[in-house]
Amino acid sequence: MAPKRDDQKKKKLGTKLEDDELFKQIGGQLDANFDYSEWQRTAKIAESKNKAKKIHSKVTEGGSFLVKPHVASKAGPSTWATQLTEEASESVVCEHGKPKKYSINQAFETAQAKKRAEHIKILNLRIQARKQTIAEYKKREAELLIANIKMKEDIINEESEAHENVKKLLRKYEKYRGGINTLNDQFTEEYRDAKTARELTEIKVEKELAELQKKVDEMDKRLKEKQHELHVLVNYKDKEYAVKSLRILELQTQIAELELNQKEEQDELCHIVETEIEKFKKEENRIKSYITENAAEEVLAKMHPSLKEMAMQNNVMSKEIEFHTKEIAELQEQNEELQEGVQRLLRDPKTNIRQQMFPEFFPTKEKCTPDMDVILDIPVQESLPI
């Protein structure tokens, strides 16, 4: 029965592995039909069974005599004693089974009977001892069977746990391998991006360095020019500056004198220019109005009378709209002023009817200002309630 159970468990384990997704992903690389015959303790168990059989046979065989199993008969328990006595008598007889004929007296017979009884007692004791040992061996056999069953169950549980652990480890390995692959892919991508970025930065830095070098060369050139100009200016300051500064002062004084002398003429000229400009502006406005009127009259002359009337109505409506918009703005301003006046009246204590009719209940309180003194009117003594 035990091999059949093992085969059934192996088949179940194989079907579980075949149905497992992880086993399918691996591609059936694992062998589901695990064979643990190399590690099974079949030889030791067989040897222990043979030893138990030998011990049982030795227990049942009491030296040179054989203990027969107890068989219940009609005669009752006396038959078992008679069998023992017969066996004991057979043990004393010769190997041929034929008793020797001795002529002995009664004393010898009693001595022989005592010896036989002692021998029977010894045999009974030995039988009881063998029975106890057999019971102990059976008990031990049952304990060993229970222990073996437990060990078998433990082994099966350990195998299932080992199988689950292997599945978990395989899953972890798959995840780890996938993680490593993703990390390697990310590393290669990042390395490629970093390499391209480094190359771009190198190109950019080279361009910037070239531009900076160009600017430095230009600045050196400008510096040389400025140094040359400075040298010229220093020479000019030392030699020609004093003479030319005096000449500039003379010219400035001449300009001031000329401005004073020609100020009246300049004012008259400005007045004449302004009057002429006003004349030209008036003439320009007159010409513009004349041109617009002529153009409007020509357009109106060519227009239909209904369109003329519509244009006149539109003009009137535009004038009315302007007038009404101005009036609305004025009314809005008046409304705002009236609202402000209403708010002032509402805030004014004179318009408060309750304060005017009941001034003793609504005393006027002045607001404190920072420049006012604070007077604390706290009663020192309290009157007792009488």
Protein backbone atom coordinates (compact mmCIF):
# COMPACT_ATOMS: atom_id res chain seq x y z
CA MET A 1 0.00 0.00 0.00
CA ALA A 2 2.84 2.39 0.83
CA PRO A 3 4.46 2.24 -2.67
CA LYS A 4 1.07 2.88 -4.26
CA ARG A 5 0.59 5.94 -2.04
CA ASP A 6 4.09 7.17 -2.97
CA ASP A 7 3.31 6.71 -6.68
CA GLN A 8 0.02 8.60 -6.27
CA LYS A 9 1.78 11.47 -4.45
CA LYS A 10 4.46 11.60 -7.16
CA LYS A 11 1.76 11.74 -9.85
CA LYS A 12 -0.05 14.54 -7.99
CA LEU A 13 3.25 16.43 -7.59
CA GLY A 14 3.95 15.98 -11.32
CA THR A 15 0.51 17.30 -12.29
CA LYS A 16 0.96 20.27 -9.92
CA LEU A 17 4.30 21.09 -11.55
CA GLU A 18 2.86 20.71 -15.06
CA ASP A 19 0.00 23.09 -14.20
CA ASP A 20 2.37 25.61 -12.59
CA GLU A 21 3.03 28.74 -14.67
CA LEU A 22 6.63 29.04 -13.43
CA PHE A 23 7.34 25.44 -14.52
CA LYS A 24 5.88 26.26 -17.95
CA GLN A 25 8.07 29.39 -18.22
CA ILE A 26 11.20 27.40 -17.36
CA GLY A 27 10.29 25.00 -20.15
CA GLY A 28 10.08 21.75 -18.24
CA GLN A 29 13.77 21.74 -17.33
CA LEU A 30 12.96 20.22 -13.93
CA ASP A 31 12.14 16.53 -13.65
CA ALA A 32 8.83 16.17 -11.80
CA ASN A 33 9.31 12.37 -11.26
CA PHE A 34 11.71 12.65 -8.36
CA ASP A 35 13.29 9.33 -7.39
CA TYR A 36 14.47 9.15 -3.79
CA SER A 37 15.20 5.40 -3.81
CA GLU A 38 18.91 6.14 -3.35
CA TRP A 39 18.23 7.86 -0.03
CA GLN A 40 15.49 5.49 1.29
CA ARG A 41 16.29 3.26 4.25
CA THR A 42 14.94 0.02 2.76
CA ALA A 43 17.99 -2.09 3.59
CA LYS A 44 18.10 -1.09 7.25
CA ILE A 45 14.34 -1.62 7.64
CA ALA A 46 14.63 -5.11 6.08
CA GLU A 47 17.56 -5.94 8.36
CA SER A 48 15.61 -4.73 11.40
CA LYS A 49 12.64 -6.89 10.33
CA ASN A 50 14.88 -9.95 9.92
CA LYS A 51 16.41 -9.28 13.33
CA ALA A 52 12.93 -9.00 14.87
CA LYS A 53 11.94 -12.34 13.26
CA LYS A 54 15.08 -14.00 14.60
CA ILE A 55 14.44 -12.61 18.08
CA HIS A 56 10.83 -13.79 17.90
CA SER A 57 11.93 -17.25 16.85
CA LYS A 58 14.47 -17.34 19.68
CA VAL A 59 11.83 -16.21 22.15
CA THR A 60 9.39 -18.90 21.00
CA GLU A 61 12.13 -21.54 21.19
CA GLY A 62 13.07 -22.08 24.84
CA GLY A 63 16.43 -23.75 24.55
CA SER A 64 15.96 -27.40 23.58
CA PHE A 65 12.18 -27.30 24.05
CA LEU A 66 9.47 -25.63 21.96
CA VAL A 67 6.66 -23.59 23.52
CA LYS A 68 3.39 -24.31 21.77
CA PRO A 69 0.75 -21.65 21.49
CA HIS A 70 -2.13 -21.79 23.90
CA VAL A 71 -5.15 -23.49 22.33
CA ALA A 72 -8.51 -23.41 24.09
CA SER A 73 -10.06 -26.87 24.36
CA LYS A 74 -13.03 -28.51 26.00
CA ALA A 75 -10.95 -29.87 28.81
CA GLY A 76 -10.22 -26.36 30.06
CA PRO A 77 -6.99 -25.00 31.53
CA SER A 78 -5.83 -28.41 32.77
CA THR A 79 -4.98 -29.50 29.21
CA TRP A 80 -2.41 -26.71 28.94
CA ALA A 81 -0.68 -27.98 32.11
CA THR A 82 -0.80 -31.56 30.85
CA GLN A 83 0.79 -30.44 27.59
CA LEU A 84 3.55 -28.73 29.54
CA THR A 85 4.09 -31.85 31.65
CA GLU A 86 4.16 -34.01 28.54
CA GLU A 87 6.67 -31.70 26.92
CA ALA A 88 8.73 -31.68 30.06
CA SER A 89 8.62 -35.46 30.18
CA GLU A 90 9.65 -35.56 26.55
CA SER A 91 12.62 -33.38 27.36
CA VAL A 92 13.79 -35.92 29.94
CA VAL A 93 13.36 -38.95 27.73
CA CYS A 94 15.92 -40.27 25.34
CA GLU A 95 16.38 -39.04 21.80
CA HIS A 96 14.62 -42.19 20.50
CA GLY A 97 11.48 -41.27 22.45
CA LYS A 98 11.34 -44.55 24.31
CA PRO A 99 11.57 -44.32 28.10
CA LYS A 100 14.15 -46.40 29.93
CA LYS A 101 12.97 -48.97 32.43
CA TYR A 102 14.35 -48.34 35.84
CA SER A 103 13.41 -49.98 39.05
CA ILE A 104 13.28 -47.05 41.46
CA ASN A 105 11.62 -46.62 44.73
CA GLN A 106 9.00 -44.15 45.83
CA ALA A 107 11.51 -41.60 47.19
CA PHE A 108 13.21 -41.32 43.88
CA GLU A 109 9.84 -40.74 42.20
CA THR A 110 8.94 -37.97 44.65
CA ALA A 111 12.32 -36.35 44.07
CA GLN A 112 11.77 -36.59 40.37
CA ALA A 113 8.29 -35.10 40.80
CA LYS A 114 9.73 -32.19 42.81
CA LYS A 115 12.36 -31.64 40.17
CA ARG A 116 9.68 -31.78 37.50
CA ALA A 117 7.52 -29.27 39.38
CA GLU A 118 10.50 -26.95 39.82
CA HIS A 119 11.28 -27.36 36.16
CA ILE A 120 7.66 -26.54 35.30
CA LYS A 121 7.80 -23.44 37.50
CA ILE A 122 10.98 -22.35 35.78
CA LEU A 123 9.36 -22.95 32.42
CA ASN A 124 6.29 -20.96 33.44
CA LEU A 125 8.50 -18.12 34.60
CA ARG A 126 10.45 -18.25 31.38
CA ILE A 127 7.18 -18.32 29.40
CA GLN A 128 5.90 -15.30 31.29
CA ALA A 129 9.20 -13.51 30.71
CA ARG A 130 9.06 -14.39 27.01
CA LYS A 131 5.45 -13.16 26.83
CA GLN A 132 6.45 -9.90 28.49
CA THR A 133 9.33 -9.49 26.06
CA ILE A 134 6.98 -10.31 23.14
CA ALA A 135 4.48 -7.70 24.41
CA GLU A 136 7.30 -5.19 24.78
CA TYR A 137 8.55 -6.05 21.29
CA LYS A 138 5.03 -5.64 19.88
CA LYS A 139 4.65 -2.36 21.74
CA ARG A 140 8.04 -1.28 20.42
CA GLU A 141 6.99 -2.44 16.94
CA ALA A 142 3.82 -0.32 17.16
CA GLU A 143 5.86 2.66 18.39
CA LEU A 144 8.34 2.17 15.58
CA LEU A 145 5.49 1.91 13.05
CA ILE A 146 3.97 5.14 14.39
CA ALA A 147 7.39 6.78 14.35
CA ASN A 148 7.98 5.55 10.79
CA ILE A 149 4.58 6.88 9.71
CA LYS A 150 5.37 10.23 11.33
CA MET A 151 8.80 10.24 9.73
CA LYS A 152 7.19 9.44 6.38
CA GLU A 153 4.69 12.26 6.83
CA ASP A 154 7.51 14.58 7.89
CA ILE A 155 9.51 13.58 4.84
CA ILE A 156 6.50 14.20 2.57
CA ASN A 157 5.87 17.56 4.25
CA GLU A 158 9.54 18.46 3.96
CA GLU A 159 9.48 17.45 0.29
CA SER A 160 6.40 19.61 -0.32
CA GLU A 161 7.98 22.48 1.62
CA ALA A 162 11.20 21.99 -0.31
CA HIS A 163 9.19 22.01 -3.54
CA GLU A 164 7.44 25.24 -2.52
CA ASN A 165 10.77 26.76 -1.46
CA VAL A 166 12.30 25.74 -4.79
CA LYS A 167 9.36 27.32 -6.62
CA LYS A 168 9.73 30.50 -4.57
CA LEU A 169 13.48 30.55 -5.18
CA LEU A 170 12.93 30.01 -8.90
CA ARG A 171 10.42 32.85 -8.96
CA LYS A 172 12.86 35.05 -7.05
CA TYR A 173 15.60 34.03 -9.48
CA GLU A 174 13.38 34.89 -12.46
CA LYS A 175 12.55 38.25 -10.89
CA TYR A 176 16.21 38.81 -10.04
CA ARG A 177 17.28 37.89 -13.56
CA GLY A 178 14.61 40.16 -15.02
CA GLY A 179 15.69 42.96 -12.69
CA ILE A 180 19.33 42.47 -13.68
CA ASN A 181 18.39 42.55 -17.37
CA THR A 182 16.37 45.73 -16.89
CA LEU A 183 19.19 47.28 -14.86
CA ASN A 184 21.69 46.31 -17.55
CA ASP A 185 19.44 47.80 -20.24
CA GLN A 186 18.98 50.97 -18.20
CA PHE A 187 22.73 51.13 -17.57
CA THR A 188 23.51 50.74 -21.26
CA GLU A 189 20.93 53.40 -22.17
CA GLU A 190 22.19 55.76 -19.47
CA TYR A 191 25.80 55.08 -20.49
CA ARG A 192 24.96 55.78 -24.13
CA ASP A 193 23.06 58.95 -23.19
CA ALA A 194 25.89 60.08 -20.92
CA LYS A 195 28.42 59.38 -23.65
CA THR A 196 26.45 61.37 -26.23
CA ALA A 197 25.92 64.16 -23.68
CA ARG A 198 29.67 64.20 -22.95
CA GLU A 199 30.47 64.40 -26.66
CA LEU A 200 27.94 67.21 -27.12
CA THR A 201 29.33 69.09 -24.12
CA GLU A 202 32.86 68.65 -25.45
CA ILE A 203 31.80 70.07 -28.82
CA LYS A 204 29.93 72.90 -27.10
CA VAL A 205 32.88 73.66 -24.81
CA GLU A 206 35.25 73.66 -27.77
CA LYS A 207 32.98 76.12 -29.60
CA GLU A 208 32.70 78.31 -26.52
CA LEU A 209 36.47 78.21 -26.03
CA ALA A 210 36.97 79.19 -29.66
CA GLU A 211 34.50 82.07 -29.27
CA LEU A 212 36.15 83.15 -26.03
CA GLN A 213 39.57 82.98 -27.66
CA LYS A 214 38.23 85.09 -30.52
CA LYS A 215 36.80 87.60 -28.04
CA VAL A 216 40.10 87.65 -26.15
CA ASP A 217 41.96 88.38 -29.37
CA GLU A 218 39.50 91.17 -30.18
CA MET A 219 39.84 92.59 -26.69
CA ASP A 220 43.63 92.47 -26.97
CA LYS A 221 43.37 94.32 -30.26
CA ARG A 222 41.01 96.92 -28.75
CA LEU A 223 43.28 97.23 -25.73
CA LYS A 224 46.21 98.00 -27.96
CA GLU A 225 44.13 100.58 -29.80
CA LYS A 226 42.99 102.15 -26.53
CA GLN A 227 46.53 102.18 -25.25
CA HIS A 228 47.57 103.97 -28.42
CA GLU A 229 44.69 106.44 -27.97
CA LEU A 230 45.68 106.93 -24.34
CA HIS A 231 49.24 107.64 -25.40
CA VAL A 232 47.95 110.15 -27.92
CA LEU A 233 45.64 111.76 -25.34
CA VAL A 234 48.43 111.98 -22.80
CA ASN A 235 50.62 113.72 -25.35
CA TYR A 236 47.66 115.93 -26.34
CA LYS A 237 47.00 116.85 -22.69
CA ASP A 238 50.58 117.68 -22.07
CA LYS A 239 51.08 119.72 -25.25
CA GLU A 240 47.86 120.95 -27.00
CA TYR A 241 45.17 120.70 -24.29
CA ALA A 242 45.95 123.99 -22.55
CA VAL A 243 45.92 126.02 -25.77
CA LYS A 244 42.71 124.43 -27.08
CA SER A 245 40.95 124.74 -23.73
CA LEU A 246 41.63 128.48 -23.76
CA ARG A 247 40.30 128.64 -27.32
CA ILE A 248 37.14 126.76 -26.25
CA LEU A 249 36.54 129.20 -23.40
CA GLU A 250 36.88 132.13 -25.80
CA LEU A 251 34.40 130.57 -28.22
CA GLN A 252 31.92 129.84 -25.41
CA THR A 253 32.04 133.48 -24.28
CA GLN A 254 31.50 134.61 -27.87
CA ILE A 255 28.47 132.28 -28.20
CA ALA A 256 26.97 133.63 -24.98
CA GLU A 257 27.42 137.20 -26.19
CA LEU A 258 25.85 136.37 -29.55
CA GLU A 259 22.87 134.67 -27.84
CA LEU A 260 22.26 137.78 -25.75
CA ASN A 261 22.55 140.02 -28.78
CA GLN A 262 20.30 137.90 -31.01
CA LYS A 263 17.67 136.92 -28.40
CA GLU A 264 15.21 139.65 -29.44
CA GLU A 265 15.55 138.72 -33.09
CA GLN A 266 15.03 135.08 -32.19
CA ASP A 267 11.86 135.91 -30.23
CA GLU A 268 10.44 137.90 -33.14
CA LEU A 269 11.29 135.13 -35.54
CA CYS A 270 9.59 132.54 -33.29
CA HIS A 271 6.46 134.72 -33.08
CA ILE A 272 6.35 135.09 -36.87
CA VAL A 273 6.81 131.33 -37.29
CA GLU A 274 3.99 130.57 -34.87
CA THR A 275 1.57 132.98 -36.59
CA GLU A 276 2.38 131.49 -39.99
CA ILE A 277 1.90 127.98 -38.63
CA GLU A 278 -1.54 128.93 -37.27
CA LYS A 279 -2.49 130.43 -40.63
CA PHE A 280 -1.44 127.27 -42.44
CA LYS A 281 -3.37 125.12 -39.95
CA LYS A 282 -6.55 127.19 -40.45
CA GLU A 283 -6.16 126.98 -44.21
CA GLU A 284 -5.58 123.24 -43.95
CA ASN A 285 -8.72 122.76 -41.85
CA ARG A 286 -10.76 124.87 -44.26
CA ILE A 287 -9.54 122.87 -47.24
CA LYS A 288 -10.23 119.57 -45.43
CA SER A 289 -13.76 120.64 -44.51
CA TYR A 290 -14.38 121.87 -48.07
CA ILE A 291 -13.13 118.59 -49.55
CA THR A 292 -15.16 116.48 -47.11
CA GLU A 293 -18.31 118.55 -47.72
CA ASN A 294 -17.94 118.30 -51.49
CA ALA A 295 -17.29 114.57 -51.26
CA ALA A 296 -20.28 114.09 -48.96
CA GLU A 297 -22.52 116.17 -51.24
CA GLU A 298 -21.42 114.18 -54.28
CA VAL A 299 -22.03 110.90 -52.47
CA LEU A 300 -25.41 112.08 -51.20
CA ALA A 301 -26.39 113.27 -54.65
CA LYS A 302 -25.67 109.83 -56.05
CA MET A 303 -27.47 108.02 -53.19
CA HIS A 304 -31.13 106.96 -53.18
CA PRO A 305 -33.50 109.22 -51.18
CA SER A 306 -34.33 106.36 -48.80
CA LEU A 307 -30.62 105.84 -48.07
CA LYS A 308 -30.25 109.59 -47.48
CA GLU A 309 -33.09 109.48 -45.00
CA MET A 310 -31.55 106.41 -43.33
CA ALA A 311 -28.19 108.15 -43.12
CA MET A 312 -29.85 111.21 -41.57
CA GLN A 313 -31.65 108.97 -39.07
CA ASN A 314 -28.40 107.19 -38.26
CA ASN A 315 -26.71 110.51 -37.67
CA VAL A 316 -29.57 111.63 -35.43
CA MET A 317 -29.44 108.30 -33.56
CA SER A 318 -25.69 108.58 -33.07
CA LYS A 319 -26.15 112.08 -31.67
CA GLU A 320 -28.92 110.82 -29.40
CA ILE A 321 -26.74 107.90 -28.27
CA GLU A 322 -23.92 110.27 -27.42
CA PHE A 323 -26.34 112.50 -25.54
CA HIS A 324 -27.87 109.57 -23.65
CA THR A 325 -24.47 108.09 -22.79
CA LYS A 326 -23.41 111.43 -21.33
CA GLU A 327 -26.70 111.64 -19.45
CA ILE A 328 -26.25 108.05 -18.13
CA ALA A 329 -22.74 108.88 -16.94
CA GLU A 330 -24.04 112.01 -15.17
CA LEU A 331 -26.88 110.01 -13.58
CA GLN A 332 -24.42 107.34 -12.41
CA GLU A 333 -22.27 110.04 -10.82
CA GLN A 334 -25.37 111.48 -9.15
CA ASN A 335 -26.36 108.00 -7.92
CA GLU A 336 -22.91 107.47 -6.44
CA GLU A 337 -23.09 110.85 -4.71
CA LEU A 338 -26.56 110.01 -3.38
CA GLN A 339 -25.36 106.60 -2.10
CA GLU A 340 -22.44 108.25 -0.34
CA GLY A 341 -24.86 110.77 1.19
CA VAL A 342 -27.17 107.96 2.36
CA GLN A 343 -24.22 106.12 3.92
CA ARG A 344 -23.16 109.30 5.69
CA LEU A 345 -26.70 109.83 6.96
CA LEU A 346 -26.84 106.23 8.19
CA ARG A 347 -23.57 106.68 10.03
CA ASP A 348 -24.64 110.03 11.46
CA PRO A 349 -25.94 109.61 15.06
CA LYS A 350 -28.52 112.37 14.47
CA THR A 351 -30.43 110.17 12.06
CA ASN A 352 -30.54 107.28 14.54
CA ILE A 353 -34.15 107.43 15.84
CA ARG A 354 -33.47 105.19 18.85
CA GLN A 355 -30.62 107.38 20.09
CA GLN A 356 -32.70 110.52 19.54
CA MET A 357 -35.80 109.16 21.32
CA PHE A 358 -34.01 107.23 24.08
CA PRO A 359 -30.69 108.97 24.66
CA GLU A 360 -30.40 107.60 28.22
CA PHE A 361 -30.26 104.03 26.89
CA PHE A 362 -27.81 104.85 24.13
CA PRO A 363 -25.19 107.21 25.61
CA THR A 364 -22.65 108.61 23.24
CA LYS A 365 -19.14 107.24 23.66
CA GLU A 366 -16.14 108.94 22.23
CA LYS A 367 -13.53 106.78 20.60
CA CYS A 368 -10.10 106.72 22.17
CA THR A 369 -7.22 108.15 20.23
CA PRO A 370 -3.51 107.57 20.86
CA ASP A 371 -3.05 111.11 22.25
CA MET A 372 -5.81 110.70 24.87
CA ASP A 373 -5.17 109.69 28.48
CA VAL A 374 -6.60 106.42 29.74
CA ILE A 375 -8.55 106.71 33.01
CA LEU A 376 -9.42 103.47 34.77
CA ASP A 377 -12.54 103.90 36.91
CA ILE A 378 -12.48 100.65 38.87
CA PRO A 379 -14.53 100.49 42.14
CA VAL A 380 -12.28 99.72 45.10
CA GLN A 381 -15.07 98.73 47.51
CA GLU A 382 -18.06 96.59 46.76
CA SER A 383 -21.36 97.16 48.58
CA LEU A 384 -22.91 94.19 50.27
CA PRO A 385 -26.24 93.01 48.85
CA ILE A 386 -28.85 94.03 51.46
